[in-house]
Amino acid sequence: MNEFYELVENNEHFLVVYKKPNTSFHSEDGERGLFETVKQTQGLSELYPVHRLDKITSGLLVMAKTADANQELVDQFKNRQIEKYYIAISKKKPKKKQGLIKGDMGSARRGAWKLLPTFENPAVTQFFSASIGNGMRLFMVKPHTGKTHQIRVALKSIGSPILGDALYADAADCEGVDRVYLHAFSLAFSLGGQDYRFTEAPREGEIFATPEFVIAMNSFQSPWLLHWPRI
């Protein structure tokens, strides 16, 4: 088992990995990142980074093995044809329990981003939420765009920054927290006329292992079946 990832799918066109939290996608400061690690440990001379996850985020990532597969998948991401669902936890009550978060994103301080009141090229995010006790709330999030820090900014904008996220949450919501509670839960796409769907529960994090979280997740196990209003 690799310290950076676990292999979920491996076929002639692509592979899917479960990325562990606090793992950088790209190599940095002389340390090999996730992408290069996967390429080397799988013995591949050719591999393409279709999309990325923030260092703090765990969950599903697809990488293409051929240029043709890469182009087809990249085009689907660009055209918003990929289904993506994320799990997040916050200690703050949201301004609304479910709905749509939409707006342009602009740069803020310390490398952070913020939601703007304009809609020229907006980030679009839908969500449902449920209580998991102790003042905490579980979010099932469906991003329709792929902006940097999109989910982290979206949840902060409704008053519910992600637990453990030092860039967007208060210090009190990060102290003693064992990880940032954001996880890429499910991913669906088509390739060569065949449909694929992958879903992986988070493996790391004390709160993800609590009975309250497990019970709340019963309603979210198949998020593609939820009644997501049309955008």
Foldseek 3Di string as FASTA:
>chain_A
DDPAWAWDDDDPWKTKIWGDAQFAQCDDPNRHGDVVVCCVVVVAPAKAQLDDDPNQETEIGMITRDPVSSVVSNVCQVVLVKWWKKKFKFLWDFLDQWDKFKACWDADPPRDIAGDPHHPPMWIKTWHWDDLDPSMIMIIMTTSHDDVCRVQRRCVVRVTHTQLPPVRDDPVSNPPFPGGGMYGAKIWDDDPNDIDIDGDQDDDGPVSPDPSNVVVCVVVVPVVPDPDDDD
